Structure formats: structure tokens, C-alpha cells
Amino acid sequence: MMQEEGQVTGHGREGVWVETQRRSTCGACKARSSCGSGLLSQFSRRKAHRVLIHVPLGEAWPMVGERVVIGIDESAFLRSAGLLYGLPLMSGMLGGIVAEQLAGAGALVVPLGFALSLAAGLGVVRWHAARPEQQALYRPRLLRRLGVDSLAIKADRTYQESHR
């Protein structure tokens, strides 16, 4: 299970909005001072990522400001990455090979066959991702609540009073 720590920033109709900070893996290895990725991560701004986490019926919702751990199944992540990158690439290559076999090497039809097959593969990925049962599979889940500080309690009361 891939996990990330975040903070609840608001409530929606179906769940809670959780904001996470993108972390760099740099700083963990010994080559951080001579690594190009480490150097680039020092100059790049770390943007927060906001995601809606669905809370099952009957389960208590975390308060605004509360720290939580969210996660997604690793196998679902790897499947989606393989589908997103592998299917269009393989269909594009297959389309290019078929076009080359039909028209011969050096023909303008080969890149056109590649591009059309690549677009068809992307269309299949888009269709697959739009199916509701697939969306639920790739949706991050609330794994555990880490705690609440006094600011979170005050912010949650203010939110609840403003939405009555």
C-alpha cells in the first residue's frame, strides 16, 4: 500500500478534501550534494496536491485541520501506469509496423499509422478510466487518522457553524 500523510482542508458532499505536500526523495541518499535531481529539487517549488477522499457511510469524518494518512493499493497503481503508458505505446508501434508492412519502408503512411494507432490506444485508456468501477479502484482511501490539534477543532466548529 502506497501511503502519504496529509491534512484535511475541507468537507465535500462525498468526502473530505486532503492536501498533501509533494516530497522529494532527495536528502535520503549520500549523493545528495552531487546529484542533479537533488539540485533541481532545491530550486523547484513544492506544490500541495489536493484530493477528495471518499468516506464510507457510517464512518466518522475527520475534522478540518486533522492530519490523516491516505493510501492507494500498489497493484492498482502499477496496473494504471502500465495501462496508461504501455497500451498507447504498444498500439502505436503495432500500427507503425502494420503500415510499414503494407506501404513499405520510408513511406509517409508509417508515421501516420503510428500516430493514429497511438491516438486509438489513448482513446481506449480514456474509455477504460471513465468507467465507474475503475474509478473506485484507483481512488485513494483514508487509512488512519493521526490526531487533532486545537486549531483543527476551532476550524471545524467554524466550518460547521457556517454551513448550518
Protein backbone atom coordinates (compact mmCIF):
# COMPACT_ATOMS: atom_id res chain seq x y z
CA MET A 1 0.00 0.00 0.00
CA MET A 2 1.45 3.36 -1.03
CA GLN A 3 0.83 5.87 1.76
CA GLU A 4 1.01 9.63 2.11
CA GLU A 5 0.37 11.89 5.05
CA GLY A 6 -1.88 14.90 4.56
CA GLN A 7 -4.14 17.40 6.24
CA VAL A 8 -7.90 17.70 5.89
CA THR A 9 -8.68 21.10 4.36
CA GLY A 10 -12.43 20.87 3.91
CA HIS A 11 -15.54 18.76 3.58
CA GLY A 12 -17.38 17.98 0.35
CA ARG A 13 -20.58 16.13 -0.47
CA GLU A 14 -18.95 12.71 -0.78
CA GLY A 15 -15.94 13.00 1.49
CA VAL A 16 -13.12 15.18 2.73
CA TRP A 17 -10.52 17.21 0.87
CA VAL A 18 -6.99 16.24 1.87
CA GLU A 19 -3.93 18.27 0.97
CA THR A 20 -0.55 16.59 0.74
CA GLN A 21 2.88 18.08 0.10
CA ARG A 22 4.98 16.64 -2.68
CA ARG A 23 8.13 15.25 -1.20
CA SER A 24 11.41 14.79 -2.90
CA THR A 25 13.27 11.56 -2.28
CA CYS A 26 16.42 13.64 -2.12
CA GLY A 27 18.02 14.01 1.25
CA ALA A 28 17.80 10.30 1.96
CA CYS A 29 20.84 9.20 -0.01
CA LYS A 30 24.51 10.06 0.43
CA ALA A 31 24.94 11.54 -3.07
CA ARG A 32 22.51 14.42 -2.47
CA SER A 33 25.18 17.12 -2.83
CA SER A 34 26.35 15.88 -6.24
CA CYS A 35 23.03 14.64 -7.63
CA GLY A 36 21.26 16.55 -10.40
CA SER A 37 17.81 15.63 -9.08
CA GLY A 38 18.74 16.91 -5.64
CA LEU A 39 19.93 20.19 -7.07
CA LEU A 40 16.78 20.65 -9.12
CA SER A 41 14.52 19.84 -6.15
CA GLN A 42 16.18 22.64 -4.14
CA PHE A 43 15.09 25.21 -6.71
CA SER A 44 11.65 23.88 -7.54
CA ARG A 45 8.63 24.95 -5.56
CA ARG A 46 6.89 22.17 -3.72
CA LYS A 47 3.24 22.41 -4.61
CA ALA A 48 0.49 21.00 -2.48
CA HIS A 49 -1.70 18.33 -4.06
CA ARG A 50 -5.39 18.30 -3.13
CA VAL A 51 -7.51 15.14 -3.44
CA LEU A 52 -11.07 14.19 -2.49
CA ILE A 53 -11.14 11.15 -0.21
CA HIS A 54 -14.48 9.34 -0.04
CA VAL A 55 -15.61 8.47 3.46
CA PRO A 56 -17.86 5.39 3.73
CA LEU A 57 -21.35 5.84 5.17
CA GLY A 58 -21.45 5.49 8.93
CA GLU A 59 -17.78 6.31 9.39
CA ALA A 60 -16.86 9.49 11.29
CA TRP A 61 -15.42 12.20 9.09
CA PRO A 62 -12.08 13.73 10.07
CA MET A 63 -12.19 17.35 11.17
CA VAL A 64 -10.77 20.20 9.13
CA GLY A 65 -7.11 20.56 10.07
CA GLU A 66 -6.72 16.97 11.19
CA ARG A 67 -3.68 15.02 9.98
CA VAL A 68 -4.56 11.79 8.17
CA VAL A 69 -2.83 9.03 6.22
CA ILE A 70 -4.25 8.21 2.80
CA GLY A 71 -3.20 5.39 0.53
CA ILE A 72 -3.68 3.56 -2.73
CA ASP A 73 -3.04 -0.09 -3.48
CA GLU A 74 0.34 -0.60 -5.19
CA SER A 75 -1.02 -3.17 -7.63
CA ALA A 76 -3.74 -0.74 -8.77
CA PHE A 77 -1.10 1.97 -9.21
CA LEU A 78 1.16 -0.31 -11.27
CA ARG A 79 -1.76 -1.54 -13.38
CA SER A 80 -2.84 2.02 -14.14
CA ALA A 81 0.71 3.07 -15.04
CA GLY A 82 1.09 0.07 -17.34
CA LEU A 83 -2.24 0.78 -18.97
CA LEU A 84 -1.60 4.50 -19.34
CA TYR A 85 1.88 4.18 -20.84
CA GLY A 86 2.03 0.65 -22.23
CA LEU A 87 -1.21 0.34 -24.17
CA PRO A 88 -0.87 3.50 -26.29
CA LEU A 89 2.81 2.82 -26.96
CA MET A 90 2.23 -0.79 -27.96
CA SER A 91 -0.75 0.11 -30.17
CA GLY A 92 1.27 2.90 -31.82
CA MET A 93 4.18 0.57 -32.53
CA LEU A 94 1.85 -2.10 -33.87
CA GLY A 95 0.14 0.47 -36.12
CA GLY A 96 3.50 1.65 -37.41
CA ILE A 97 4.66 -1.90 -38.12
CA VAL A 98 1.45 -2.77 -39.96
CA ALA A 99 1.67 0.44 -42.01
CA GLU A 100 5.29 -0.33 -42.88
CA GLN A 101 4.40 -3.85 -43.99
CA LEU A 102 1.57 -2.58 -46.18
CA ALA A 103 3.22 0.53 -47.66
CA GLY A 104 6.93 -0.24 -47.43
CA ALA A 105 9.75 1.44 -45.54
CA GLY A 106 10.15 5.19 -45.92
CA ALA A 107 6.52 5.83 -46.81
CA LEU A 108 4.68 8.72 -45.18
CA VAL A 109 1.97 6.27 -44.14
CA VAL A 110 4.21 4.73 -41.42
CA PRO A 111 4.28 7.76 -39.06
CA LEU A 112 0.62 8.37 -39.82
CA GLY A 113 -0.19 4.75 -38.89
CA PHE A 114 1.82 5.14 -35.70
CA ALA A 115 0.05 8.38 -34.76
CA LEU A 116 -3.44 7.06 -35.47
CA SER A 117 -2.80 3.85 -33.54
CA LEU A 118 -1.33 5.84 -30.66
CA ALA A 119 -4.44 8.02 -30.57
CA ALA A 120 -6.65 4.93 -30.65
CA GLY A 121 -4.72 3.48 -27.69
CA LEU A 122 -5.16 6.71 -25.74
CA GLY A 123 -8.88 6.60 -26.53
CA VAL A 124 -9.13 3.08 -25.12
CA VAL A 125 -7.31 4.21 -21.95
CA ARG A 126 -9.67 7.17 -21.58
CA TRP A 127 -12.73 4.94 -22.06
CA HIS A 128 -11.39 2.42 -19.52
CA ALA A 129 -10.62 5.11 -16.92
CA ALA A 130 -14.09 6.67 -17.26
CA ARG A 131 -15.87 3.50 -16.15
CA PRO A 132 -17.21 3.92 -12.56
CA GLU A 133 -15.87 0.59 -11.29
CA GLN A 134 -12.38 1.56 -12.48
CA GLN A 135 -12.59 4.99 -10.86
CA ALA A 136 -13.34 3.40 -7.49
CA LEU A 137 -10.37 1.03 -7.89
CA TYR A 138 -7.88 3.86 -8.41
CA ARG A 139 -9.27 6.20 -5.76
CA PRO A 140 -7.11 6.84 -2.66
CA ARG A 141 -8.59 5.74 0.66
CA LEU A 142 -8.46 7.09 4.18
CA LEU A 143 -6.24 4.66 6.11
CA ARG A 144 -5.95 6.25 9.53
CA ARG A 145 -6.31 9.45 11.48
CA LEU A 146 -3.19 10.83 13.16
CA GLY A 147 -4.65 13.35 15.54
CA VAL A 148 -6.15 16.74 16.03
CA ASP A 149 -4.71 19.93 17.42
CA SER A 150 -6.67 22.81 18.98
CA LEU A 151 -6.60 24.79 15.70
CA ALA A 152 -8.31 21.93 13.90
CA ILE A 153 -11.12 21.79 16.46
CA LYS A 154 -11.70 25.54 16.19
CA ALA A 155 -11.62 25.45 12.36
CA ASP A 156 -14.07 22.53 12.28
CA ARG A 157 -16.53 24.29 14.58
CA THR A 158 -16.31 27.43 12.44
CA TYR A 159 -16.93 25.37 9.29
CA GLN A 160 -19.92 23.55 10.82
CA GLU A 161 -21.49 26.80 12.06
CA SER A 162 -21.12 28.48 8.67
CA HIS A 163 -22.83 25.56 6.86
CA ARG A 164 -25.94 25.30 9.03
